[in-house]
Amino acid sequence: MSANSRLTVAAHALTWIGLYQRRGHEVATSEQIATSVNTNPVVIRRLLAQLRKAGLADSRRGAGAGWTLSRDLSAITLLDVYEAVGPGPIFALHPATPDPECVVGHGIGAVMGAVYDGIETTLRKELSRTTLEDVLRDVLKAA
């Protein structure tokens, strides 16, 4: 099973746009962002379309086309980004109902569901504590 990198790529793209704008540029192109992420611009455009729908990014068409932030980096949390691109819960129960006659099959859903709910609550709480401003600050420190 491979890990989902959509949150990381989305946070990277938004943080890059924020830094680019601070350096005096009006809009960022998907090609520029894709170069930083080291992916195809189509991947970036699809991801940014989701972020636009969530109110985190804006796009311009025509002359001077590109992407901008809808809010300042300090007003965007990792939870905002997660909710915009997250595919749903981190963990899921069985796709088919387990055997209800089996002692484990009968109770596994309720037990694992409670564990997964706790994990999701903790994840959301942690993601809400970090803004993209925090991410940029720490990235710049590491550079």
N, C-alpha and C. Protein backbone atom coordinates (compact mmCIF):
# COMPACT_ATOMS: atom_id res chain seq x y z
N MET A 1 0.84 -1.18 0.00
CA MET A 1 0.00 0.00 0.00
C MET A 1 0.88 1.25 0.00
N SER A 2 0.62 2.18 -0.88
CA SER A 2 1.41 3.41 -0.88
C SER A 2 0.68 4.50 -0.10
N ALA A 3 1.46 5.41 0.44
CA ALA A 3 0.88 6.51 1.21
C ALA A 3 0.35 7.58 0.27
N ASN A 4 -0.66 8.29 0.72
CA ASN A 4 -1.26 9.36 -0.06
C ASN A 4 -0.44 10.64 0.16
N SER A 5 0.03 11.23 -0.93
CA SER A 5 0.86 12.43 -0.83
C SER A 5 0.12 13.71 -1.21
N ARG A 6 -1.19 13.64 -1.40
CA ARG A 6 -1.95 14.80 -1.87
C ARG A 6 -1.86 15.98 -0.89
N LEU A 7 -1.92 15.73 0.40
CA LEU A 7 -1.81 16.81 1.38
C LEU A 7 -0.45 17.49 1.26
N THR A 8 0.60 16.71 1.15
CA THR A 8 1.95 17.26 1.04
C THR A 8 2.11 18.09 -0.23
N VAL A 9 1.64 17.56 -1.34
CA VAL A 9 1.76 18.28 -2.62
C VAL A 9 0.93 19.56 -2.59
N ALA A 10 -0.26 19.50 -2.03
CA ALA A 10 -1.12 20.69 -1.95
C ALA A 10 -0.51 21.74 -1.04
N ALA A 11 0.02 21.33 0.11
CA ALA A 11 0.66 22.28 1.02
C ALA A 11 1.90 22.88 0.35
N HIS A 12 2.65 22.08 -0.37
CA HIS A 12 3.82 22.56 -1.10
C HIS A 12 3.40 23.62 -2.11
N ALA A 13 2.40 23.32 -2.91
CA ALA A 13 1.95 24.24 -3.96
C ALA A 13 1.48 25.57 -3.36
N LEU A 14 0.65 25.52 -2.35
CA LEU A 14 0.12 26.74 -1.75
C LEU A 14 1.23 27.56 -1.07
N THR A 15 2.12 26.89 -0.38
CA THR A 15 3.22 27.57 0.28
C THR A 15 4.13 28.23 -0.76
N TRP A 16 4.38 27.53 -1.86
CA TRP A 16 5.21 28.07 -2.93
C TRP A 16 4.55 29.32 -3.53
N ILE A 17 3.25 29.25 -3.78
CA ILE A 17 2.54 30.41 -4.33
C ILE A 17 2.66 31.59 -3.35
N GLY A 18 2.47 31.33 -2.07
CA GLY A 18 2.56 32.40 -1.07
C GLY A 18 3.93 33.06 -1.06
N LEU A 19 4.99 32.26 -1.11
CA LEU A 19 6.34 32.82 -1.14
C LEU A 19 6.58 33.59 -2.43
N TYR A 20 6.12 33.04 -3.52
CA TYR A 20 6.29 33.68 -4.84
C TYR A 20 5.61 35.05 -4.86
N GLN A 21 4.42 35.13 -4.29
CA GLN A 21 3.70 36.41 -4.23
C GLN A 21 4.44 37.39 -3.31
N ARG A 22 4.96 36.92 -2.20
CA ARG A 22 5.72 37.80 -1.30
C ARG A 22 6.95 38.38 -1.96
N ARG A 23 7.46 37.66 -2.91
CA ARG A 23 8.66 38.12 -3.62
C ARG A 23 8.30 39.06 -4.78
N GLY A 24 7.04 39.49 -4.81
CA GLY A 24 6.63 40.52 -5.76
C GLY A 24 5.97 40.05 -7.03
N HIS A 25 5.70 38.77 -7.15
CA HIS A 25 5.04 38.25 -8.34
C HIS A 25 3.53 38.19 -8.12
N GLU A 26 2.80 38.51 -9.16
CA GLU A 26 1.35 38.56 -9.03
C GLU A 26 0.70 37.18 -9.05
N VAL A 27 1.06 36.39 -10.06
CA VAL A 27 0.47 35.04 -10.20
C VAL A 27 1.57 34.02 -10.47
N ALA A 28 1.29 32.78 -10.12
CA ALA A 28 2.21 31.67 -10.37
C ALA A 28 1.57 30.73 -11.37
N THR A 29 2.35 30.23 -12.30
CA THR A 29 1.80 29.29 -13.27
C THR A 29 1.91 27.86 -12.74
N SER A 30 1.08 27.00 -13.26
CA SER A 30 1.14 25.60 -12.85
C SER A 30 2.46 24.98 -13.26
N GLU A 31 3.05 25.46 -14.33
CA GLU A 31 4.36 24.95 -14.76
C GLU A 31 5.44 25.29 -13.74
N GLN A 32 5.41 26.52 -13.23
CA GLN A 32 6.39 26.93 -12.22
C GLN A 32 6.23 26.10 -10.94
N ILE A 33 5.01 25.94 -10.51
CA ILE A 33 4.73 25.18 -9.29
C ILE A 33 5.14 23.72 -9.50
N ALA A 34 4.81 23.16 -10.66
CA ALA A 34 5.14 21.77 -10.96
C ALA A 34 6.65 21.54 -10.94
N THR A 35 7.42 22.53 -11.37
CA THR A 35 8.88 22.41 -11.34
C THR A 35 9.35 22.25 -9.90
N SER A 36 8.80 23.04 -8.98
CA SER A 36 9.19 22.95 -7.58
C SER A 36 8.78 21.60 -6.98
N VAL A 37 7.59 21.15 -7.32
CA VAL A 37 7.07 19.89 -6.78
C VAL A 37 7.71 18.68 -7.48
N ASN A 38 8.23 18.91 -8.68
CA ASN A 38 8.79 17.86 -9.52
C ASN A 38 7.71 16.88 -9.98
N THR A 39 6.67 17.46 -10.57
CA THR A 39 5.58 16.67 -11.11
C THR A 39 5.08 17.33 -12.38
N ASN A 40 4.08 16.73 -12.98
CA ASN A 40 3.50 17.25 -14.21
C ASN A 40 2.57 18.42 -13.89
N PRO A 41 2.58 19.48 -14.71
CA PRO A 41 1.68 20.61 -14.48
C PRO A 41 0.20 20.23 -14.45
N VAL A 42 -0.17 19.17 -15.15
CA VAL A 42 -1.56 18.72 -15.14
C VAL A 42 -1.95 18.27 -13.73
N VAL A 43 -1.05 17.60 -13.05
CA VAL A 43 -1.29 17.17 -11.66
C VAL A 43 -1.53 18.40 -10.79
N ILE A 44 -0.72 19.42 -10.97
CA ILE A 44 -0.85 20.65 -10.19
C ILE A 44 -2.16 21.34 -10.50
N ARG A 45 -2.52 21.43 -11.78
CA ARG A 45 -3.78 22.10 -12.15
C ARG A 45 -4.99 21.39 -11.54
N ARG A 46 -4.98 20.08 -11.57
CA ARG A 46 -6.10 19.33 -10.97
C ARG A 46 -6.19 19.57 -9.47
N LEU A 47 -5.04 19.55 -8.83
CA LEU A 47 -5.01 19.77 -7.39
C LEU A 47 -5.44 21.20 -7.04
N LEU A 48 -4.92 22.17 -7.79
CA LEU A 48 -5.29 23.56 -7.54
C LEU A 48 -6.76 23.83 -7.82
N ALA A 49 -7.34 23.09 -8.75
CA ALA A 49 -8.78 23.23 -8.99
C ALA A 49 -9.57 22.83 -7.74
N GLN A 50 -9.13 21.79 -7.06
CA GLN A 50 -9.77 21.39 -5.80
C GLN A 50 -9.57 22.46 -4.73
N LEU A 51 -8.38 23.01 -4.68
CA LEU A 51 -8.08 24.06 -3.70
C LEU A 51 -8.87 25.33 -4.00
N ARG A 52 -9.09 25.62 -5.27
CA ARG A 52 -9.92 26.77 -5.65
C ARG A 52 -11.35 26.53 -5.19
N LYS A 53 -11.85 25.35 -5.41
CA LYS A 53 -13.22 25.01 -5.01
C LYS A 53 -13.41 25.15 -3.49
N ALA A 54 -12.34 24.89 -2.75
CA ALA A 54 -12.38 24.99 -1.29
C ALA A 54 -12.10 26.42 -0.80
N GLY A 55 -11.85 27.34 -1.73
CA GLY A 55 -11.61 28.72 -1.36
C GLY A 55 -10.20 29.02 -0.88
N LEU A 56 -9.24 28.20 -1.25
CA LEU A 56 -7.86 28.41 -0.83
C LEU A 56 -6.99 29.03 -1.92
N ALA A 57 -7.39 28.87 -3.17
CA ALA A 57 -6.63 29.41 -4.30
C ALA A 57 -7.59 30.03 -5.30
N ASP A 58 -7.07 30.94 -6.09
CA ASP A 58 -7.83 31.55 -7.18
C ASP A 58 -7.03 31.39 -8.46
N SER A 59 -7.73 31.42 -9.58
CA SER A 59 -7.04 31.34 -10.87
C SER A 59 -7.46 32.51 -11.74
N ARG A 60 -6.55 32.88 -12.62
CA ARG A 60 -6.81 33.93 -13.61
C ARG A 60 -6.60 33.33 -14.99
N ARG A 61 -7.43 33.74 -15.91
CA ARG A 61 -7.32 33.27 -17.29
C ARG A 61 -6.86 34.41 -18.18
N GLY A 62 -6.46 34.04 -19.38
CA GLY A 62 -6.04 35.05 -20.36
C GLY A 62 -4.64 35.54 -20.11
N ALA A 63 -4.38 36.79 -20.54
CA ALA A 63 -3.07 37.38 -20.34
C ALA A 63 -2.78 37.46 -18.85
N GLY A 64 -1.61 37.02 -18.44
CA GLY A 64 -1.27 37.01 -17.01
C GLY A 64 -1.94 35.89 -16.25
N ALA A 65 -2.26 34.81 -16.95
CA ALA A 65 -2.94 33.68 -16.32
C ALA A 65 -2.06 33.03 -15.26
N GLY A 66 -2.69 32.47 -14.27
CA GLY A 66 -1.95 31.77 -13.23
C GLY A 66 -2.78 31.64 -11.96
N TRP A 67 -2.08 31.33 -10.89
CA TRP A 67 -2.72 31.02 -9.61
C TRP A 67 -2.27 32.00 -8.54
N THR A 68 -3.19 32.32 -7.64
CA THR A 68 -2.91 33.15 -6.47
C THR A 68 -3.56 32.49 -5.26
N LEU A 69 -3.18 32.95 -4.09
CA LEU A 69 -3.83 32.49 -2.87
C LEU A 69 -5.12 33.26 -2.66
N SER A 70 -6.12 32.62 -2.13
CA SER A 70 -7.37 33.30 -1.77
C SER A 70 -7.27 33.96 -0.40
N ARG A 71 -6.38 33.41 0.42
CA ARG A 71 -6.17 33.95 1.78
C ARG A 71 -4.67 33.97 2.04
N ASP A 72 -4.29 34.71 3.04
CA ASP A 72 -2.90 34.75 3.45
C ASP A 72 -2.48 33.39 4.01
N LEU A 73 -1.21 33.08 3.90
CA LEU A 73 -0.69 31.80 4.43
C LEU A 73 -1.03 31.62 5.91
N SER A 74 -1.05 32.71 6.66
CA SER A 74 -1.34 32.61 8.09
C SER A 74 -2.81 32.27 8.36
N ALA A 75 -3.64 32.36 7.34
CA ALA A 75 -5.08 32.07 7.50
C ALA A 75 -5.46 30.72 6.90
N ILE A 76 -4.47 29.94 6.48
CA ILE A 76 -4.73 28.62 5.91
C ILE A 76 -4.03 27.59 6.79
N THR A 77 -4.80 26.68 7.38
CA THR A 77 -4.21 25.61 8.19
C THR A 77 -4.04 24.36 7.35
N LEU A 78 -3.22 23.46 7.86
CA LEU A 78 -3.09 22.17 7.19
C LEU A 78 -4.42 21.41 7.20
N LEU A 79 -5.26 21.68 8.19
CA LEU A 79 -6.59 21.07 8.20
C LEU A 79 -7.41 21.58 7.02
N ASP A 80 -7.33 22.86 6.72
CA ASP A 80 -8.03 23.41 5.56
C ASP A 80 -7.61 22.68 4.29
N VAL A 81 -6.30 22.50 4.14
CA VAL A 81 -5.76 21.83 2.96
C VAL A 81 -6.19 20.37 2.93
N TYR A 82 -6.10 19.70 4.07
CA TYR A 82 -6.51 18.29 4.19
C TYR A 82 -7.97 18.11 3.79
N GLU A 83 -8.82 18.99 4.28
CA GLU A 83 -10.25 18.89 3.95
C GLU A 83 -10.50 19.15 2.48
N ALA A 84 -9.68 19.99 1.86
CA ALA A 84 -9.85 20.30 0.44
C ALA A 84 -9.44 19.14 -0.46
N VAL A 85 -8.41 18.40 -0.08
CA VAL A 85 -7.89 17.36 -0.97
C VAL A 85 -8.00 15.95 -0.40
N GLY A 86 -8.42 15.85 0.86
CA GLY A 86 -8.50 14.53 1.49
C GLY A 86 -9.51 13.63 0.82
N PRO A 87 -9.13 12.39 0.62
CA PRO A 87 -10.03 11.45 -0.04
C PRO A 87 -11.10 10.88 0.88
N GLY A 88 -11.13 11.31 2.12
CA GLY A 88 -12.08 10.77 3.08
C GLY A 88 -11.32 10.29 4.31
N PRO A 89 -11.92 9.41 5.06
CA PRO A 89 -11.26 8.94 6.28
C PRO A 89 -9.92 8.25 5.98
N ILE A 90 -9.03 8.29 6.96
CA ILE A 90 -7.73 7.66 6.81
C ILE A 90 -7.87 6.14 6.71
N PHE A 91 -8.67 5.60 7.59
CA PHE A 91 -8.89 4.15 7.63
C PHE A 91 -10.35 3.86 7.35
N ALA A 92 -10.61 2.67 6.83
CA ALA A 92 -11.98 2.28 6.54
C ALA A 92 -12.24 0.87 7.08
N LEU A 93 -13.49 0.58 7.27
CA LEU A 93 -13.89 -0.76 7.69
C LEU A 93 -13.97 -1.67 6.47
N HIS A 94 -14.29 -2.91 6.70
CA HIS A 94 -14.39 -3.89 5.61
C HIS A 94 -15.31 -3.38 4.49
N PRO A 95 -14.97 -3.65 3.24
CA PRO A 95 -15.88 -3.28 2.15
C PRO A 95 -17.14 -4.15 2.14
N ALA A 96 -17.02 -5.35 2.68
CA ALA A 96 -18.17 -6.26 2.79
C ALA A 96 -18.42 -6.54 4.28
N THR A 97 -19.64 -6.79 4.63
CA THR A 97 -19.98 -7.07 6.02
C THR A 97 -19.38 -8.41 6.45
N PRO A 98 -18.59 -8.40 7.55
CA PRO A 98 -18.03 -9.66 8.05
C PRO A 98 -19.13 -10.60 8.53
N ASP A 99 -18.78 -11.83 8.72
CA ASP A 99 -19.72 -12.87 9.16
C ASP A 99 -20.29 -12.50 10.53
N PRO A 100 -21.59 -12.19 10.62
CA PRO A 100 -22.18 -11.80 11.91
C PRO A 100 -22.27 -12.96 12.91
N GLU A 101 -22.11 -14.20 12.44
CA GLU A 101 -22.12 -15.36 13.33
C GLU A 101 -20.77 -15.58 13.99
N CYS A 102 -19.73 -14.94 13.46
CA CYS A 102 -18.38 -15.04 14.02
C CYS A 102 -18.26 -14.02 15.14
N VAL A 103 -17.66 -14.42 16.27
CA VAL A 103 -17.54 -13.52 17.40
C VAL A 103 -16.70 -12.29 17.03
N VAL A 104 -15.66 -12.48 16.26
CA VAL A 104 -14.83 -11.34 15.84
C VAL A 104 -15.56 -10.53 14.77
N GLY A 105 -16.11 -11.22 13.78
CA GLY A 105 -16.83 -10.56 12.70
C GLY A 105 -17.99 -9.73 13.21
N HIS A 106 -18.64 -10.19 14.26
CA HIS A 106 -19.80 -9.50 14.82
C HIS A 106 -19.42 -8.16 15.45
N GLY A 107 -18.25 -8.08 16.11
CA GLY A 107 -17.92 -6.88 16.86
C GLY A 107 -16.80 -6.02 16.31
N ILE A 108 -16.13 -6.52 15.28
CA ILE A 108 -14.95 -5.81 14.79
C ILE A 108 -15.27 -4.40 14.28
N GLY A 109 -16.38 -4.22 13.63
CA GLY A 109 -16.73 -2.92 13.05
C GLY A 109 -16.85 -1.83 14.11
N ALA A 110 -17.58 -2.12 15.18
CA ALA A 110 -17.78 -1.12 16.24
C ALA A 110 -16.47 -0.79 16.94
N VAL A 111 -15.66 -1.80 17.22
CA VAL A 111 -14.41 -1.58 17.92
C VAL A 111 -13.43 -0.78 17.06
N MET A 112 -13.22 -1.22 15.83
CA MET A 112 -12.27 -0.53 14.95
C MET A 112 -12.80 0.85 14.57
N GLY A 113 -14.11 0.98 14.41
CA GLY A 113 -14.69 2.29 14.11
C GLY A 113 -14.40 3.30 15.19
N ALA A 114 -14.49 2.89 16.45
CA ALA A 114 -14.20 3.80 17.57
C ALA A 114 -12.72 4.20 17.56
N VAL A 115 -11.84 3.25 17.29
CA VAL A 115 -10.40 3.55 17.22
C VAL A 115 -10.14 4.55 16.09
N TYR A 116 -10.72 4.29 14.93
CA TYR A 116 -10.50 5.15 13.77
C TYR A 116 -11.07 6.55 13.98
N ASP A 117 -12.21 6.63 14.66
CA ASP A 117 -12.77 7.95 14.97
C ASP A 117 -11.82 8.75 15.86
N GLY A 118 -11.20 8.08 16.82
CA GLY A 118 -10.25 8.75 17.70
C GLY A 118 -9.02 9.23 16.94
N ILE A 119 -8.54 8.41 16.02
CA ILE A 119 -7.38 8.79 15.20
C ILE A 119 -7.73 10.00 14.34
N GLU A 120 -8.89 9.99 13.73
CA GLU A 120 -9.30 11.10 12.87
C GLU A 120 -9.43 12.39 13.68
N THR A 121 -9.97 12.30 14.88
CA THR A 121 -10.10 13.47 15.75
C THR A 121 -8.73 14.04 16.10
N THR A 122 -7.81 13.17 16.46
CA THR A 122 -6.45 13.60 16.80
C THR A 122 -5.76 14.22 15.60
N LEU A 123 -5.89 13.60 14.44
CA LEU A 123 -5.28 14.13 13.22
C LEU A 123 -5.80 15.53 12.92
N ARG A 124 -7.11 15.71 12.97
CA ARG A 124 -7.70 17.01 12.67
C ARG A 124 -7.22 18.07 13.67
N LYS A 125 -7.13 17.70 14.92
CA LYS A 125 -6.67 18.63 15.94
C LYS A 125 -5.23 19.07 15.66
N GLU A 126 -4.37 18.14 15.32
CA GLU A 126 -2.97 18.45 15.03
C GLU A 126 -2.84 19.30 13.77
N LEU A 127 -3.57 18.95 12.72
CA LEU A 127 -3.49 19.71 11.47
C LEU A 127 -4.00 21.14 11.65
N SER A 128 -4.97 21.32 12.53
CA SER A 128 -5.52 22.67 12.75
C SER A 128 -4.54 23.58 13.48
N ARG A 129 -3.51 23.03 14.09
CA ARG A 129 -2.53 23.81 14.84
C ARG A 129 -1.44 24.41 13.96
N THR A 130 -1.34 23.96 12.73
CA THR A 130 -0.24 24.41 11.86
C THR A 130 -0.79 25.15 10.66
N THR A 131 -0.32 26.39 10.48
CA THR A 131 -0.71 27.17 9.30
C THR A 131 0.36 27.01 8.23
N LEU A 132 0.01 27.42 7.03
CA LEU A 132 1.01 27.40 5.96
C LEU A 132 2.09 28.45 6.21
N GLU A 133 1.79 29.46 6.99
CA GLU A 133 2.81 30.42 7.42
C GLU A 133 3.86 29.70 8.27
N ASP A 134 3.40 28.82 9.17
CA ASP A 134 4.31 28.01 9.98
C ASP A 134 5.18 27.12 9.08
N VAL A 135 4.55 26.52 8.09
CA VAL A 135 5.27 25.65 7.16
C VAL A 135 6.35 26.45 6.44
N LEU A 136 5.99 27.62 5.91
CA LEU A 136 6.96 28.44 5.19
C LEU A 136 8.10 28.86 6.11
N ARG A 137 7.76 29.28 7.31
CA ARG A 137 8.80 29.70 8.27
C ARG A 137 9.80 28.57 8.50
N ASP A 138 9.30 27.36 8.72
CA ASP A 138 10.18 26.23 8.99
C ASP A 138 10.97 25.79 7.76
N VAL A 139 10.36 25.90 6.60
CA VAL A 139 11.06 25.59 5.35
C VAL A 139 12.22 26.57 5.14
N LEU A 140 11.96 27.84 5.37
CA LEU A 140 13.00 28.86 5.18
C LEU A 140 14.12 28.69 6.20
N LYS A 141 13.78 28.25 7.42
CA LYS A 141 14.81 27.98 8.43
C LYS A 141 15.71 26.84 7.98
N ALA A 142 15.10 25.81 7.40
CA ALA A 142 15.86 24.63 6.96
C ALA A 142 16.74 24.94 5.76
N ALA A 143 16.33 25.93 4.97
CA ALA A 143 17.12 26.30 3.79
C ALA A 143 18.28 27.10 4.25
